[in-house]
Amino acid sequence: MLRVRVEKRVIDCRGKTLVLGERTLIMGILNVTPDSFSDGGRYTTVERAVRHAVRMAEEGADIIDIGGESTRPGHQPVSAEEELARILPVIEAVRREVDLPISVDTHKAEVARQALEAGAHIINDIWGFKRDPDMAHVAARYGAPAVLMHNRTDEDYPGGFMADLLDDLRRSVDIARRAGVPDDRIILDPGFGFAKSMDQHLELMGRLDEVRALGFPVLVGTSRKRFI
């Protein structure tokens, strides 16, 4: 098994900081959507969303991740305008009540831009900067750390599952670098629950050190996933 030494790192999150390497940090998920797979419809008012964010902070969350479009299989896509209408009031209110970095879960550059203007600190892109060509430039322009998740439209990995997954992540890193996002603001997410079979998920779980060996912090989102 590959062994990767964990080194302490500090990520500058536009005025907030994340200290990595001392313990596992926890991201609290706040979906302000009617149809997310875990909590859709529960936090669609600003008041309920803020109460949930405060509760997660009290229970030990280190980051609050706010999303306005479901990513569950078969979800209905929403426009940037609708996504912004859902998340901007929540970001502004949560920022006033919770002293934690806020990440915005979106793959749309305009949504990311306005979310950062409203007070978000981190971009969390489930398509790893591959869906919207302007996303990486928004991250670079605003000095925002970026979570680059592995994703595909199918479960076909002709070069071998892990080899192709690692190559896909490297391509996301290349996109970020070319846009001017520095390495110390890149976080990788191997994409549990996205474009992977049950066997592939289990293989990935046992080979996470290979993802870490790429040299970046790793975010793992396994909560409420069917393979657990």
Protein backbone atom coordinates (compact mmCIF):
# COMPACT_ATOMS: atom_id res chain seq x y z
CA MET A 1 0.00 0.00 0.00
CA LEU A 2 1.24 3.49 -0.88
CA ARG A 3 2.00 5.60 2.18
CA VAL A 4 1.77 9.37 1.90
CA ARG A 5 3.12 11.61 4.62
CA VAL A 6 0.59 14.13 5.90
CA GLU A 7 2.11 17.58 6.21
CA LYS A 8 0.56 20.55 7.95
CA ARG A 9 -0.80 23.13 5.53
CA VAL A 10 -2.66 26.39 5.93
CA ILE A 11 -5.09 27.36 3.18
CA ASP A 12 -5.94 31.05 2.86
CA CYS A 13 -9.69 31.26 2.26
CA ARG A 14 -10.14 34.94 1.45
CA GLY A 15 -9.82 36.10 5.03
CA LYS A 16 -10.53 32.76 6.69
CA THR A 17 -8.01 29.97 7.18
CA LEU A 18 -8.13 26.19 7.09
CA VAL A 19 -5.38 24.32 8.93
CA LEU A 20 -4.83 20.88 7.39
CA GLY A 21 -2.73 18.01 8.70
CA GLU A 22 -3.61 18.21 12.38
CA ARG A 23 -6.98 16.45 12.17
CA THR A 24 -9.68 15.63 9.66
CA LEU A 25 -11.82 18.69 8.97
CA ILE A 26 -15.59 18.41 8.60
CA MET A 27 -17.66 20.03 5.86
CA GLY A 28 -21.28 20.65 6.81
CA ILE A 29 -23.69 20.43 3.87
CA LEU A 30 -26.50 22.94 3.47
CA ASN A 31 -28.64 22.28 0.39
CA VAL A 32 -31.16 25.03 -0.28
CA THR A 33 -32.94 22.96 -2.92
CA PRO A 34 -36.32 21.23 -3.13
CA ASP A 35 -34.87 18.00 -4.56
CA SER A 36 -31.44 17.13 -3.11
CA PHE A 37 -31.06 13.44 -2.25
CA SER A 38 -30.40 13.94 1.46
CA ASP A 39 -32.10 17.11 2.67
CA GLY A 40 -34.04 18.50 -0.28
CA GLY A 41 -36.85 20.82 0.78
CA ARG A 42 -35.81 21.07 4.43
CA TYR A 43 -33.89 24.35 4.30
CA THR A 44 -35.55 26.37 1.55
CA THR A 45 -36.17 29.42 3.76
CA VAL A 46 -33.33 31.65 4.91
CA GLU A 47 -34.32 31.26 8.56
CA ARG A 48 -34.27 27.45 8.46
CA ALA A 49 -31.02 27.44 6.50
CA VAL A 50 -29.30 29.72 8.99
CA ARG A 51 -30.50 27.65 11.95
CA HIS A 52 -29.10 24.52 10.33
CA ALA A 53 -25.77 26.22 9.59
CA VAL A 54 -25.50 27.42 13.19
CA ARG A 55 -26.32 23.92 14.45
CA MET A 56 -23.65 22.35 12.23
CA ALA A 57 -21.09 24.88 13.45
CA GLU A 58 -21.98 24.09 17.06
CA GLU A 59 -21.63 20.37 16.33
CA GLY A 60 -18.10 20.78 14.97
CA ALA A 61 -18.29 21.69 11.29
CA ASP A 62 -15.22 23.49 9.93
CA ILE A 63 -16.74 24.56 6.60
CA ILE A 64 -20.33 25.25 5.54
CA ASP A 65 -21.02 24.14 1.96
CA ILE A 66 -24.06 25.83 0.39
CA GLY A 67 -25.63 24.47 -2.79
CA GLY A 68 -28.60 25.64 -4.83
CA GLU A 69 -28.85 22.86 -7.43
CA SER A 70 -29.31 19.18 -6.69
CA THR A 71 -26.65 16.78 -7.95
CA ARG A 72 -28.62 13.58 -7.33
CA PRO A 73 -29.20 11.24 -10.30
CA GLY A 74 -32.13 12.41 -12.43
CA HIS A 75 -32.23 15.89 -10.94
CA GLN A 76 -33.75 18.77 -12.88
CA PRO A 77 -31.13 21.34 -13.92
CA VAL A 78 -31.82 24.92 -12.87
CA SER A 79 -30.79 28.20 -14.43
CA ALA A 80 -28.06 30.37 -12.97
CA GLU A 81 -30.73 32.90 -12.06
CA GLU A 82 -32.72 30.37 -10.03
CA GLU A 83 -29.59 29.03 -8.37
CA LEU A 84 -28.55 32.53 -7.37
CA ALA A 85 -32.01 33.34 -6.03
CA ARG A 86 -31.72 30.31 -3.76
CA ILE A 87 -28.19 30.74 -2.45
CA LEU A 88 -27.33 34.44 -2.26
CA PRO A 89 -29.67 35.36 0.63
CA VAL A 90 -28.51 32.27 2.50
CA ILE A 91 -24.80 32.99 1.99
CA GLU A 92 -25.25 36.56 3.19
CA ALA A 93 -27.23 35.48 6.27
CA VAL A 94 -24.98 32.54 7.18
CA ARG A 95 -21.91 34.73 6.90
CA ARG A 96 -23.37 37.08 9.51
CA GLU A 97 -24.16 34.27 11.96
CA VAL A 98 -21.38 31.71 11.49
CA ASP A 99 -17.66 32.44 11.69
CA LEU A 100 -16.55 29.66 9.33
CA PRO A 101 -15.41 29.49 5.71
CA ILE A 102 -18.36 29.11 3.33
CA SER A 103 -18.03 27.10 0.15
CA VAL A 104 -20.42 27.42 -2.77
CA ASP A 105 -21.34 24.17 -4.50
CA THR A 106 -21.78 25.11 -8.16
CA HIS A 107 -20.37 24.41 -11.60
CA LYS A 108 -21.51 27.73 -13.08
CA ALA A 109 -18.99 30.57 -13.25
CA GLU A 110 -21.51 33.38 -12.85
CA VAL A 111 -23.02 31.70 -9.80
CA ALA A 112 -19.57 31.26 -8.30
CA ARG A 113 -18.67 34.89 -9.01
CA GLN A 114 -21.77 36.32 -7.37
CA ALA A 115 -21.49 33.91 -4.45
CA LEU A 116 -17.93 35.08 -3.79
CA GLU A 117 -19.10 38.69 -4.01
CA ALA A 118 -21.79 37.85 -1.44
CA GLY A 119 -19.25 36.48 1.01
CA ALA A 120 -18.47 32.88 0.09
CA HIS A 121 -14.83 31.87 0.46
CA ILE A 122 -14.38 28.61 -1.50
CA ILE A 123 -15.61 27.20 -4.83
CA ASN A 124 -16.73 23.56 -4.81
CA ASP A 125 -17.14 22.38 -8.43
CA ILE A 126 -18.51 18.87 -9.03
CA TRP A 127 -17.16 19.01 -12.59
CA GLY A 128 -13.61 20.00 -11.66
CA PHE A 129 -13.53 23.14 -13.84
CA LYS A 130 -14.41 21.08 -16.94
CA ARG A 131 -18.03 22.13 -17.47
CA ASP A 132 -17.80 25.94 -17.51
CA PRO A 133 -14.60 27.32 -19.09
CA ASP A 134 -14.79 30.50 -16.99
CA MET A 135 -14.88 28.78 -13.59
CA ALA A 136 -11.12 28.54 -13.13
CA HIS A 137 -10.70 32.20 -14.06
CA VAL A 138 -13.26 33.22 -11.42
CA ALA A 139 -11.36 31.27 -8.78
CA ALA A 140 -8.08 32.87 -9.83
CA ARG A 141 -9.52 36.39 -10.01
CA TYR A 142 -11.04 36.21 -6.53
CA GLY A 143 -8.21 34.29 -4.88
CA ALA A 144 -10.63 31.54 -3.91
CA PRO A 145 -9.56 28.01 -3.01
CA ALA A 146 -11.22 25.45 -5.27
CA VAL A 147 -12.43 21.92 -4.65
CA LEU A 148 -12.05 20.04 -7.94
CA MET A 149 -14.20 16.93 -7.98
CA HIS A 150 -13.81 13.94 -10.27
CA ASN A 151 -16.86 13.35 -12.43
CA ARG A 152 -17.83 11.78 -15.75
CA THR A 153 -21.01 11.22 -17.70
CA ASP A 154 -20.65 7.41 -17.48
CA GLU A 155 -18.80 4.64 -15.64
CA ASP A 156 -16.55 3.67 -18.57
CA TYR A 157 -12.82 3.76 -17.77
CA PRO A 158 -11.03 2.28 -20.80
CA GLY A 159 -7.55 2.94 -19.39
CA GLY A 160 -8.34 1.33 -16.05
CA PHE A 161 -10.43 2.82 -13.27
CA MET A 162 -7.78 4.40 -11.04
CA ALA A 163 -5.46 5.36 -13.90
CA ASP A 164 -8.25 7.22 -15.68
CA LEU A 165 -9.53 8.80 -12.47
CA LEU A 166 -6.08 10.15 -11.60
CA ASP A 167 -5.62 11.44 -15.16
CA ASP A 168 -8.98 13.21 -14.95
CA LEU A 169 -7.95 14.90 -11.71
CA ARG A 170 -4.63 15.93 -13.23
CA ARG A 171 -6.52 17.57 -16.10
CA SER A 172 -8.61 19.55 -13.62
CA VAL A 173 -5.43 20.68 -11.88
CA ASP A 174 -3.95 21.72 -15.23
CA ILE A 175 -7.05 23.82 -15.99
CA ALA A 176 -6.75 25.53 -12.62
CA ARG A 177 -3.04 26.19 -13.02
CA ARG A 178 -3.40 27.62 -16.52
CA ALA A 179 -5.99 30.06 -15.21
CA GLY A 180 -3.66 31.19 -12.43
CA VAL A 181 -4.99 29.26 -9.44
CA PRO A 182 -1.94 28.45 -7.26
CA ASP A 183 -1.36 24.91 -6.05
CA ASP A 184 -1.86 25.93 -2.42
CA ARG A 185 -5.49 26.77 -3.19
CA ILE A 186 -6.37 23.47 -4.90
CA ILE A 187 -8.24 20.66 -3.13
CA LEU A 188 -9.13 17.39 -4.86
CA ASP A 189 -12.32 15.36 -4.43
CA PRO A 190 -12.30 11.84 -5.96
CA GLY A 191 -16.06 12.02 -6.42
CA PHE A 192 -17.69 9.33 -4.33
CA GLY A 193 -21.24 8.84 -5.60
CA PHE A 194 -20.53 10.14 -9.11
CA ALA A 195 -19.94 8.05 -12.26
CA LYS A 196 -18.69 5.00 -10.40
CA SER A 197 -20.02 1.50 -9.84
CA MET A 198 -20.27 -0.13 -6.42
CA ASP A 199 -17.04 -2.06 -7.04
CA GLN A 200 -15.27 1.09 -8.23
CA HIS A 201 -16.33 2.96 -5.10
CA LEU A 202 -14.93 0.23 -2.91
CA GLU A 203 -11.69 0.15 -4.91
CA LEU A 204 -11.37 3.91 -4.60
CA MET A 205 -11.90 3.76 -0.85
CA GLY A 206 -8.95 1.39 -0.56
CA ARG A 207 -6.71 3.44 -2.84
CA LEU A 208 -7.19 6.98 -1.58
CA ASP A 209 -3.46 7.26 -0.91
CA GLU A 210 -2.97 7.32 -4.69
CA VAL A 211 -5.19 10.40 -4.88
CA ARG A 212 -3.28 12.01 -2.01
CA ALA A 213 -0.02 11.22 -3.80
CA LEU A 214 -0.96 13.82 -6.42
CA GLY A 215 0.16 16.32 -3.79
CA PHE A 216 -3.05 18.12 -2.87
CA PRO A 217 -5.43 18.00 0.10
CA VAL A 218 -8.28 15.55 -0.46
CA LEU A 219 -11.95 16.06 0.31
CA VAL A 220 -14.01 12.89 0.69
CA GLY A 221 -17.80 13.12 0.50
CA THR A 222 -19.23 9.78 1.57
CA SER A 223 -22.21 10.79 3.70
CA ARG A 224 -25.55 9.29 2.61
CA LYS A 225 -23.99 7.56 -0.40
CA ARG A 226 -25.58 4.25 -1.37
CA PHE A 227 -22.34 2.26 -1.44
CA ILE A 228 -21.68 2.83 2.28
